[in-house]
């Protein structure tokens, strides 16, 4: 298991590539060896992250009050509809 690493660490990037995951986090500006980044993928990732942050604003979702999987899924869907309508 990887210990806590920075997002731009070579070990983390290599591990992601080995697992078939495309790293979309841009490298730091002061990095000596530059890595290509697909900024259109990065924008989409940012949208997904912001959506999950909005979803976590609903207390019942963040703390998972519901015991049943189906009830929790319904709450997530309901909160998602509210977010998308606003």
C-alpha atoms as a PDB file:
ATOM      1  CA  UNK A   1       0.000   0.000   0.000  1.00  0.00           C
ATOM      2  CA  UNK A   2       1.252   3.446  -0.834  1.00  0.00           C
ATOM      3  CA  UNK A   3       1.993   5.733   2.028  1.00  0.00           C
ATOM      4  CA  UNK A   4       0.850   9.323   1.919  1.00  0.00           C
ATOM      5  CA  UNK A   5       2.302  10.822  -1.219  1.00  0.00           C
ATOM      6  CA  UNK A   6       1.850  14.004  -3.136  1.00  0.00           C
ATOM      7  CA  UNK A   7      -0.399  13.747  -6.182  1.00  0.00           C
ATOM      8  CA  UNK A   8       2.561  14.460  -8.448  1.00  0.00           C
ATOM      9  CA  UNK A   9       4.892  11.819  -6.971  1.00  0.00           C
ATOM     10  CA  UNK A  10       6.506   9.471  -9.476  1.00  0.00           C
ATOM     11  CA  UNK A  11       5.619   6.396  -7.402  1.00  0.00           C
ATOM     12  CA  UNK A  12       1.945   7.301  -7.412  1.00  0.00           C
ATOM     13  CA  UNK A  13       1.858   8.125 -11.123  1.00  0.00           C
ATOM     14  CA  UNK A  14       3.682   4.873 -11.996  1.00  0.00           C
ATOM     15  CA  UNK A  15       1.271   2.858  -9.846  1.00  0.00           C
ATOM     16  CA  UNK A  16      -1.734   4.457 -11.540  1.00  0.00           C
ATOM     17  CA  UNK A  17      -0.342   3.688 -14.992  1.00  0.00           C
ATOM     18  CA  UNK A  18       0.362   0.062 -13.996  1.00  0.00           C
ATOM     19  CA  UNK A  19      -3.286  -0.297 -12.973  1.00  0.00           C
ATOM     20  CA  UNK A  20      -4.469   1.169 -16.276  1.00  0.00           C
ATOM     21  CA  UNK A  21      -5.600   4.469 -14.762  1.00  0.00           C
ATOM     22  CA  UNK A  22      -4.906   7.683 -16.647  1.00  0.00           C
ATOM     23  CA  UNK A  23      -3.488  10.294 -14.251  1.00  0.00           C
ATOM     24  CA  UNK A  24      -5.230  13.592 -14.965  1.00  0.00           C
ATOM     25  CA  UNK A  25      -3.691  15.735 -12.239  1.00  0.00           C
ATOM     26  CA  UNK A  26      -1.337  18.286 -13.825  1.00  0.00           C
ATOM     27  CA  UNK A  27       2.292  18.262 -12.661  1.00  0.00           C
ATOM     28  CA  UNK A  28       3.603  20.989 -10.403  1.00  0.00           C
ATOM     29  CA  UNK A  29       5.160  23.968 -12.164  1.00  0.00           C
ATOM     30  CA  UNK A  30       8.587  23.446 -10.602  1.00  0.00           C
ATOM     31  CA  UNK A  31       8.869  19.794 -11.698  1.00  0.00           C
ATOM     32  CA  UNK A  32      12.065  19.061 -13.632  1.00  0.00           C
ATOM     33  CA  UNK A  33      10.601  16.399 -15.941  1.00  0.00           C
ATOM     34  CA  UNK A  34       7.290  17.596 -17.337  1.00  0.00           C
ATOM     35  CA  UNK A  35       4.444  15.149 -17.861  1.00  0.00           C
ATOM     36  CA  UNK A  36       1.748  15.644 -20.488  1.00  0.00           C
ATOM     37  CA  UNK A  37      -1.704  16.342 -19.127  1.00  0.00           C
ATOM     38  CA  UNK A  38      -5.060  16.083 -20.855  1.00  0.00           C
ATOM     39  CA  UNK A  39      -6.742  19.252 -19.579  1.00  0.00           C
ATOM     40  CA  UNK A  40     -10.136  18.338 -21.046  1.00  0.00           C
ATOM     41  CA  UNK A  41     -10.122  15.203 -18.846  1.00  0.00           C
ATOM     42  CA  UNK A  42      -8.953  17.327 -15.919  1.00  0.00           C
ATOM     43  CA  UNK A  43     -11.929  19.693 -16.392  1.00  0.00           C
ATOM     44  CA  UNK A  44     -14.331  16.741 -16.372  1.00  0.00           C
ATOM     45  CA  UNK A  45     -12.694  15.364 -13.227  1.00  0.00           C
ATOM     46  CA  UNK A  46     -13.097  18.759 -11.613  1.00  0.00           C
ATOM     47  CA  UNK A  47     -16.826  18.761 -12.440  1.00  0.00           C
ATOM     48  CA  UNK A  48     -17.261  15.355 -10.827  1.00  0.00           C
ATOM     49  CA  UNK A  49     -15.363  16.412  -7.697  1.00  0.00           C
ATOM     50  CA  UNK A  50     -17.431  19.589  -7.347  1.00  0.00           C
ATOM     51  CA  UNK A  51     -20.643  17.580  -7.745  1.00  0.00           C
ATOM     52  CA  UNK A  52     -19.613  15.191  -4.960  1.00  0.00           C
ATOM     53  CA  UNK A  53     -18.765  18.161  -2.738  1.00  0.00           C
ATOM     54  CA  UNK A  54     -22.245  19.572  -3.323  1.00  0.00           C
ATOM     55  CA  UNK A  55     -23.744  16.163  -2.616  1.00  0.00           C
ATOM     56  CA  UNK A  56     -21.896  15.991   0.710  1.00  0.00           C
ATOM     57  CA  UNK A  57     -23.631  19.210   1.790  1.00  0.00           C
ATOM     58  CA  UNK A  58     -26.712  17.095   2.415  1.00  0.00           C
ATOM     59  CA  UNK A  59     -26.255  15.891   5.974  1.00  0.00           C
ATOM     60  CA  UNK A  60     -28.155  12.643   5.514  1.00  0.00           C
ATOM     61  CA  UNK A  61     -25.857  11.725   2.636  1.00  0.00           C
ATOM     62  CA  UNK A  62     -22.604  12.737   4.330  1.00  0.00           C
ATOM     63  CA  UNK A  63     -23.344  10.796   7.518  1.00  0.00           C
ATOM     64  CA  UNK A  64     -25.315   7.986   5.827  1.00  0.00           C
ATOM     65  CA  UNK A  65     -28.340   7.965   8.096  1.00  0.00           C
ATOM     66  CA  UNK A  66     -30.111   5.332   6.013  1.00  0.00           C
ATOM     67  CA  UNK A  67     -29.430   1.726   6.943  1.00  0.00           C
ATOM     68  CA  UNK A  68     -30.640   0.096   3.741  1.00  0.00           C
ATOM     69  CA  UNK A  69     -28.687   0.339   0.520  1.00  0.00           C
ATOM     70  CA  UNK A  70     -31.829   1.045  -1.504  1.00  0.00           C
ATOM     71  CA  UNK A  71     -32.949   3.851   0.813  1.00  0.00           C
ATOM     72  CA  UNK A  72     -29.497   5.470   0.707  1.00  0.00           C
ATOM     73  CA  UNK A  73     -29.463   5.246  -3.094  1.00  0.00           C
ATOM     74  CA  UNK A  74     -32.879   6.913  -3.217  1.00  0.00           C
ATOM     75  CA  UNK A  75     -31.597   9.724  -0.976  1.00  0.00           C
ATOM     76  CA  UNK A  76     -28.547  10.213  -3.215  1.00  0.00           C
ATOM     77  CA  UNK A  77     -30.761  10.309  -6.303  1.00  0.00           C
ATOM     78  CA  UNK A  78     -33.133  12.793  -4.669  1.00  0.00           C
ATOM     79  CA  UNK A  79     -30.252  15.062  -3.598  1.00  0.00           C
ATOM     80  CA  UNK A  80     -28.741  14.801  -7.090  1.00  0.00           C
ATOM     81  CA  UNK A  81     -32.017  15.943  -8.644  1.00  0.00           C
ATOM     82  CA  UNK A  82     -32.167  18.908  -6.277  1.00  0.00           C
ATOM     83  CA  UNK A  83     -28.566  19.858  -7.162  1.00  0.00           C
ATOM     84  CA  UNK A  84     -29.193  19.569 -10.890  1.00  0.00           C
ATOM     85  CA  UNK A  85     -32.392  21.632 -10.711  1.00  0.00           C
ATOM     86  CA  UNK A  86     -30.643  24.502  -8.930  1.00  0.00           C
END
